[in-house]
Amino acid sequence: MKKLIVFGGLFVVLSLPLSAQGLYIDLGFGLGKGWTKLDGNDAMDIVDSPNGSSDFALDLGLKGGWGPFGSIPLYAVLEFEMMGHRVQNVDNYVQFNSYMIGPGVLFYPVPLIQLGLSLGYSWTGNNTDFSWDVYNSSAGFAWDVSAAFDLGGKNHACLLGVRYFNAIFVDENTAILSFFIKYAFRKKAPSLFK
């Protein structure tokens, strides 16, 4: 699976710029609700403090790529995403951090709406101040889907949207549903309807 994702990313980076009209970059963050399961058990139950627990999550993301391709409002991107989900009680916390790098696509059914899909290789960087060890993995799979309003003119835009991000490992599954804001530099996508 790792080789397939790396090959897909290299294919996007090396072949698609030939027919693309311009560079695409976006950078931003999102806030939302997170869920983490360890061996199928909800992390909120493991921390065992329903009144003092938190399910707050933060994601940070960067995409770079090329597009649109001729009259097709499609961009090919390489994404780096970080998601943090903190679970805590009155005295202690567990911080679940998941990272993803991999290829993706952005599609504009109309110039105002951006739809995105990415998948890739994932790893964790969890930490805690509990006396027990936290699970960390150097190999997993992650994906995300997003929908955003593209508010901008020729090359510069503000993206306001919603994202679902999921990182899957052998003993851990972490997800976030977030609302995000991003700055984007891109060549404006053409309309499918002329």
C-alpha atoms as a PDB file:
ATOM      1  CA  MET A   1       0.000   0.000   0.000  1.00  0.00           C
ATOM      2  CA  LYS A   2       2.832   2.387   0.876  1.00  0.00           C
ATOM      3  CA  LYS A   3       4.512   1.809  -2.496  1.00  0.00           C
ATOM      4  CA  LEU A   4       1.222   2.416  -4.325  1.00  0.00           C
ATOM      5  CA  ILE A   5       0.708   5.751  -2.537  1.00  0.00           C
ATOM      6  CA  VAL A   6       4.300   6.851  -3.211  1.00  0.00           C
ATOM      7  CA  PHE A   7       3.969   5.858  -6.876  1.00  0.00           C
ATOM      8  CA  GLY A   8       0.653   7.740  -7.155  1.00  0.00           C
ATOM      9  CA  GLY A   9       2.204  10.843  -5.603  1.00  0.00           C
ATOM     10  CA  LEU A  10       5.220  10.723  -7.928  1.00  0.00           C
ATOM     11  CA  PHE A  11       2.954  10.271 -10.947  1.00  0.00           C
ATOM     12  CA  VAL A  12       0.961  13.367  -9.965  1.00  0.00           C
ATOM     13  CA  VAL A  13       4.064  15.456  -9.300  1.00  0.00           C
ATOM     14  CA  LEU A  14       5.996  14.436 -12.425  1.00  0.00           C
ATOM     15  CA  SER A  15       3.424  14.034 -15.195  1.00  0.00           C
ATOM     16  CA  LEU A  16       0.518  16.365 -14.606  1.00  0.00           C
ATOM     17  CA  PRO A  17       2.296  19.753 -14.688  1.00  0.00           C
ATOM     18  CA  LEU A  18       2.748  19.270 -18.441  1.00  0.00           C
ATOM     19  CA  SER A  19      -0.899  20.012 -19.202  1.00  0.00           C
ATOM     20  CA  ALA A  20      -1.820  22.105 -16.155  1.00  0.00           C
ATOM     21  CA  GLN A  21      -2.429  25.825 -16.373  1.00  0.00           C
ATOM     22  CA  GLY A  22      -0.799  26.845 -13.098  1.00  0.00           C
ATOM     23  CA  LEU A  23       0.419  26.292  -9.565  1.00  0.00           C
ATOM     24  CA  TYR A  24      -1.994  25.491  -6.724  1.00  0.00           C
ATOM     25  CA  ILE A  25      -1.142  26.070  -3.028  1.00  0.00           C
ATOM     26  CA  ASP A  26      -3.373  26.245   0.029  1.00  0.00           C
ATOM     27  CA  LEU A  27      -2.592  26.518   3.738  1.00  0.00           C
ATOM     28  CA  GLY A  28      -4.883  26.730   6.757  1.00  0.00           C
ATOM     29  CA  PHE A  29      -6.385  25.214   9.868  1.00  0.00           C
ATOM     30  CA  GLY A  30      -9.619  23.777  11.188  1.00  0.00           C
ATOM     31  CA  LEU A  31     -11.322  23.296  14.537  1.00  0.00           C
ATOM     32  CA  GLY A  32     -13.797  20.594  15.380  1.00  0.00           C
ATOM     33  CA  LYS A  33     -14.721  17.422  17.197  1.00  0.00           C
ATOM     34  CA  GLY A  34     -12.425  14.423  17.386  1.00  0.00           C
ATOM     35  CA  TRP A  35     -12.870  10.706  18.076  1.00  0.00           C
ATOM     36  CA  THR A  36     -10.162   8.206  18.951  1.00  0.00           C
ATOM     37  CA  LYS A  37     -10.545   4.482  19.524  1.00  0.00           C
ATOM     38  CA  LEU A  38      -7.805   2.274  20.968  1.00  0.00           C
ATOM     39  CA  ASP A  39      -8.324  -1.452  20.368  1.00  0.00           C
ATOM     40  CA  GLY A  40     -11.977  -0.643  19.629  1.00  0.00           C
ATOM     41  CA  ASN A  41     -12.521   1.249  22.920  1.00  0.00           C
ATOM     42  CA  ASP A  42     -13.404   4.943  22.993  1.00  0.00           C
ATOM     43  CA  ALA A  43     -10.498   6.993  24.401  1.00  0.00           C
ATOM     44  CA  MET A  44     -13.002   9.115  26.368  1.00  0.00           C
ATOM     45  CA  ASP A  45     -13.967   5.975  28.339  1.00  0.00           C
ATOM     46  CA  ILE A  46     -10.325   5.012  28.924  1.00  0.00           C
ATOM     47  CA  VAL A  47      -9.565   8.412  30.469  1.00  0.00           C
ATOM     48  CA  ASP A  48     -12.683   7.814  32.630  1.00  0.00           C
ATOM     49  CA  SER A  49     -13.875  11.319  33.352  1.00  0.00           C
ATOM     50  CA  PRO A  50     -17.060  12.065  31.415  1.00  0.00           C
ATOM     51  CA  ASN A  51     -17.532  15.476  33.073  1.00  0.00           C
ATOM     52  CA  GLY A  52     -13.949  16.640  32.650  1.00  0.00           C
ATOM     53  CA  SER A  53     -13.165  15.085  29.267  1.00  0.00           C
ATOM     54  CA  SER A  54     -12.636  17.011  26.060  1.00  0.00           C
ATOM     55  CA  ASP A  55     -13.170  15.974  22.466  1.00  0.00           C
ATOM     56  CA  PHE A  56     -11.652  19.139  20.970  1.00  0.00           C
ATOM     57  CA  ALA A  57      -9.556  18.643  17.834  1.00  0.00           C
ATOM     58  CA  LEU A  58      -7.387  20.808  15.584  1.00  0.00           C
ATOM     59  CA  ASP A  59      -6.133  20.138  12.066  1.00  0.00           C
ATOM     60  CA  LEU A  60      -3.445  21.907  10.050  1.00  0.00           C
ATOM     61  CA  GLY A  61      -3.017  21.346   6.341  1.00  0.00           C
ATOM     62  CA  LEU A  62      -0.916  22.253   3.323  1.00  0.00           C
ATOM     63  CA  LYS A  63      -1.580  21.290  -0.302  1.00  0.00           C
ATOM     64  CA  GLY A  64       0.561  21.944  -3.343  1.00  0.00           C
ATOM     65  CA  GLY A  65      -0.053  20.928  -6.929  1.00  0.00           C
ATOM     66  CA  TRP A  66      -1.127  21.876 -10.434  1.00  0.00           C
ATOM     67  CA  GLY A  67      -4.314  22.698 -12.313  1.00  0.00           C
ATOM     68  CA  PRO A  68      -6.767  23.228 -13.784  1.00  0.00           C
ATOM     69  CA  PHE A  69      -6.259  20.926 -16.756  1.00  0.00           C
ATOM     70  CA  GLY A  70      -7.548  22.582 -19.913  1.00  0.00           C
ATOM     71  CA  SER A  71     -11.289  23.084 -19.607  1.00  0.00           C
ATOM     72  CA  ILE A  72     -11.557  20.488 -16.810  1.00  0.00           C
ATOM     73  CA  PRO A  73     -11.835  22.192 -13.375  1.00  0.00           C
ATOM     74  CA  LEU A  74      -9.590  19.615 -11.672  1.00  0.00           C
ATOM     75  CA  TYR A  75      -6.387  20.097  -9.666  1.00  0.00           C
ATOM     76  CA  ALA A  76      -3.896  17.359  -8.736  1.00  0.00           C
ATOM     77  CA  VAL A  77      -2.279  17.970  -5.343  1.00  0.00           C
ATOM     78  CA  LEU A  78       0.095  16.511  -2.807  1.00  0.00           C
ATOM     79  CA  GLU A  79      -1.208  17.040   0.739  1.00  0.00           C
ATOM     80  CA  PHE A  80       0.439  17.178   4.157  1.00  0.00           C
ATOM     81  CA  GLU A  81      -2.090  17.089   7.000  1.00  0.00           C
ATOM     82  CA  MET A  82      -1.720  17.056  10.796  1.00  0.00           C
ATOM     83  CA  MET A  83      -4.592  16.324  13.167  1.00  0.00           C
ATOM     84  CA  GLY A  84      -4.478  16.635  16.943  1.00  0.00           C
ATOM     85  CA  HIS A  85      -7.167  15.295  19.291  1.00  0.00           C
ATOM     86  CA  ARG A  86      -6.828  15.866  23.039  1.00  0.00           C
ATOM     87  CA  VAL A  87      -8.672  13.765  25.608  1.00  0.00           C
ATOM     88  CA  GLN A  88      -8.305  14.884  29.210  1.00  0.00           C
ATOM     89  CA  ASN A  89      -9.748  14.714  32.670  1.00  0.00           C
ATOM     90  CA  VAL A  90      -9.188  17.082  35.590  1.00  0.00           C
ATOM     91  CA  ASP A  91      -5.581  15.971  36.191  1.00  0.00           C
ATOM     92  CA  ASN A  92      -4.215  14.293  33.058  1.00  0.00           C
ATOM     93  CA  TYR A  93      -4.360  14.272  29.260  1.00  0.00           C
ATOM     94  CA  VAL A  94      -3.660  12.119  26.220  1.00  0.00           C
ATOM     95  CA  GLN A  95      -2.752  13.943  23.011  1.00  0.00           C
ATOM     96  CA  PHE A  96      -3.404  11.927  19.840  1.00  0.00           C
ATOM     97  CA  ASN A  97      -1.471  13.359  16.861  1.00  0.00           C
ATOM     98  CA  SER A  98      -1.901  11.835  13.401  1.00  0.00           C
ATOM     99  CA  TYR A  99      -0.072  12.912  10.247  1.00  0.00           C
ATOM    100  CA  MET A 100      -0.744  12.178   6.581  1.00  0.00           C
ATOM    101  CA  ILE A 101       1.122  12.742   3.341  1.00  0.00           C
ATOM    102  CA  GLY A 102      -0.275  11.675  -0.003  1.00  0.00           C
ATOM    103  CA  PRO A 103      -1.871  12.560  -3.337  1.00  0.00           C
ATOM    104  CA  GLY A 104      -5.282  14.087  -3.816  1.00  0.00           C
ATOM    105  CA  VAL A 105      -7.616  15.838  -6.212  1.00  0.00           C
ATOM    106  CA  LEU A 106      -9.669  19.026  -6.023  1.00  0.00           C
ATOM    107  CA  PHE A 107     -12.716  19.451  -8.224  1.00  0.00           C
ATOM    108  CA  TYR A 108     -14.852  22.533  -8.905  1.00  0.00           C
ATOM    109  CA  PRO A 109     -18.372  21.604 -10.086  1.00  0.00           C
ATOM    110  CA  VAL A 110     -18.978  25.392 -10.151  1.00  0.00           C
ATOM    111  CA  PRO A 111     -16.327  28.110  -9.625  1.00  0.00           C
ATOM    112  CA  LEU A 112     -17.622  28.882  -6.098  1.00  0.00           C
ATOM    113  CA  ILE A 113     -17.511  25.276  -4.747  1.00  0.00           C
ATOM    114  CA  GLN A 114     -14.382  23.165  -4.161  1.00  0.00           C
ATOM    115  CA  LEU A 115     -14.642  19.415  -3.449  1.00  0.00           C
ATOM    116  CA  GLY A 116     -11.542  17.527  -2.307  1.00  0.00           C
ATOM    117  CA  LEU A 117     -10.333  13.982  -1.705  1.00  0.00           C
ATOM    118  CA  SER A 118      -6.896  12.858  -0.495  1.00  0.00           C
ATOM    119  CA  LEU A 119      -5.410   9.610   0.744  1.00  0.00           C
ATOM    120  CA  GLY A 120      -1.983   8.682   1.920  1.00  0.00           C
ATOM    121  CA  TYR A 121       0.590   7.281   4.265  1.00  0.00           C
ATOM    122  CA  SER A 122       0.061   8.094   7.946  1.00  0.00           C
ATOM    123  CA  TRP A 123       1.969   7.965  11.249  1.00  0.00           C
ATOM    124  CA  THR A 124       1.363   9.089  14.847  1.00  0.00           C
ATOM    125  CA  GLY A 125       3.136  11.196  17.469  1.00  0.00           C
ATOM    126  CA  ASN A 126       1.002  10.634  20.573  1.00  0.00           C
ATOM    127  CA  ASN A 127       1.942  11.737  24.104  1.00  0.00           C
ATOM    128  CA  THR A 128       0.475  11.774  27.609  1.00  0.00           C
ATOM    129  CA  ASP A 129       1.170  12.669  31.221  1.00  0.00           C
ATOM    130  CA  PHE A 130      -0.558   9.481  32.474  1.00  0.00           C
ATOM    131  CA  SER A 131       1.731   6.834  33.971  1.00  0.00           C
ATOM    132  CA  TRP A 132       0.953   4.372  31.143  1.00  0.00           C
ATOM    133  CA  ASP A 133       2.494   4.378  27.670  1.00  0.00           C
ATOM    134  CA  VAL A 134       0.563   5.623  24.664  1.00  0.00           C
ATOM    135  CA  TYR A 135       0.339   3.788  21.380  1.00  0.00           C
ATOM    136  CA  ASN A 136       2.496   5.165  18.536  1.00  0.00           C
ATOM    137  CA  SER A 137       2.636   3.852  14.992  1.00  0.00           C
ATOM    138  CA  SER A 138       5.040   4.560  12.177  1.00  0.00           C
ATOM    139  CA  ALA A 139       2.773   3.075   9.493  1.00  0.00           C
ATOM    140  CA  GLY A 140      -0.889   3.578   8.772  1.00  0.00           C
ATOM    141  CA  PHE A 141      -3.379   4.839   6.230  1.00  0.00           C
ATOM    142  CA  ALA A 142      -5.325   8.111   6.240  1.00  0.00           C
ATOM    143  CA  TRP A 143      -7.851   9.867   4.021  1.00  0.00           C
ATOM    144  CA  ASP A 144      -9.895  13.022   4.022  1.00  0.00           C
ATOM    145  CA  VAL A 145     -12.811  14.546   2.155  1.00  0.00           C
ATOM    146  CA  SER A 146     -13.711  18.221   2.088  1.00  0.00           C
ATOM    147  CA  ALA A 147     -16.142  20.743   0.663  1.00  0.00           C
ATOM    148  CA  ALA A 148     -15.494  24.489   0.676  1.00  0.00           C
ATOM    149  CA  PHE A 149     -16.655  27.823  -0.634  1.00  0.00           C
ATOM    150  CA  ASP A 150     -13.906  29.405  -2.784  1.00  0.00           C
ATOM    151  CA  LEU A 151     -14.198  33.143  -2.133  1.00  0.00           C
ATOM    152  CA  GLY A 152     -11.734  34.953  -4.335  1.00  0.00           C
ATOM    153  CA  GLY A 153     -10.802  36.508  -7.634  1.00  0.00           C
ATOM    154  CA  LYS A 154      -8.161  35.560 -10.180  1.00  0.00           C
ATOM    155  CA  ASN A 155      -5.345  33.965  -8.175  1.00  0.00           C
ATOM    156  CA  HIS A 156      -6.010  34.522  -4.460  1.00  0.00           C
ATOM    157  CA  ALA A 157      -8.856  32.975  -2.466  1.00  0.00           C
ATOM    158  CA  CYS A 158     -10.193  32.317   1.006  1.00  0.00           C
ATOM    159  CA  LEU A 159     -11.545  28.796   1.431  1.00  0.00           C
ATOM    160  CA  LEU A 160     -14.276  28.257   4.053  1.00  0.00           C
ATOM    161  CA  GLY A 161     -15.381  24.686   4.444  1.00  0.00           C
ATOM    162  CA  VAL A 162     -15.842  21.427   6.278  1.00  0.00           C
ATOM    163  CA  ARG A 163     -13.512  18.389   6.344  1.00  0.00           C
ATOM    164  CA  TYR A 164     -13.644  14.808   7.589  1.00  0.00           C
ATOM    165  CA  PHE A 165     -10.201  13.310   8.283  1.00  0.00           C
ATOM    166  CA  ASN A 166      -9.589   9.683   9.329  1.00  0.00           C
ATOM    167  CA  ALA A 167      -6.289   8.008  10.257  1.00  0.00           C
ATOM    168  CA  ILE A 168      -6.331   4.214  10.620  1.00  0.00           C
ATOM    169  CA  PHE A 169      -3.672   2.127  12.375  1.00  0.00           C
ATOM    170  CA  VAL A 170      -3.510  -1.422  13.739  1.00  0.00           C
ATOM    171  CA  ASP A 171      -4.584  -0.479  17.295  1.00  0.00           C
ATOM    172  CA  GLU A 172      -5.814   3.099  16.822  1.00  0.00           C
ATOM    173  CA  ASN A 173      -8.430   4.897  14.736  1.00  0.00           C
ATOM    174  CA  THR A 174      -8.626   8.694  14.988  1.00  0.00           C
ATOM    175  CA  ALA A 175     -11.059  10.945  13.149  1.00  0.00           C
ATOM    176  CA  ILE A 176     -12.024  14.606  13.118  1.00  0.00           C
ATOM    177  CA  LEU A 177     -14.924  16.567  11.696  1.00  0.00           C
ATOM    178  CA  SER A 178     -13.817  20.185  11.427  1.00  0.00           C
ATOM    179  CA  PHE A 179     -14.676  23.557   9.986  1.00  0.00           C
ATOM    180  CA  PHE A 180     -11.664  25.149   8.304  1.00  0.00           C
ATOM    181  CA  ILE A 181     -10.363  28.377   6.843  1.00  0.00           C
ATOM    182  CA  LYS A 182      -7.525  28.432   4.305  1.00  0.00           C
ATOM    183  CA  TYR A 183      -5.659  30.799   2.045  1.00  0.00           C
ATOM    184  CA  ALA A 184      -5.318  29.496  -1.530  1.00  0.00           C
ATOM    185  CA  PHE A 185      -3.218  30.633  -4.469  1.00  0.00           C
ATOM    186  CA  ARG A 186      -4.454  29.143  -7.744  1.00  0.00           C
ATOM    187  CA  LYS A 187      -5.492  29.829 -11.281  1.00  0.00           C
ATOM    188  CA  LYS A 188      -9.288  30.165 -11.116  1.00  0.00           C
ATOM    189  CA  ALA A 189     -11.065  27.018 -12.310  1.00  0.00           C
ATOM    190  CA  PRO A 190     -13.227  27.301 -15.443  1.00  0.00           C
ATOM    191  CA  SER A 191     -16.933  26.610 -15.215  1.00  0.00           C
ATOM    192  CA  LEU A 192     -18.241  23.265 -16.451  1.00  0.00           C
ATOM    193  CA  PHE A 193     -21.408  25.018 -17.615  1.00  0.00           C
ATOM    194  CA  LYS A 194     -20.819  27.507 -20.426  1.00  0.00           C
END
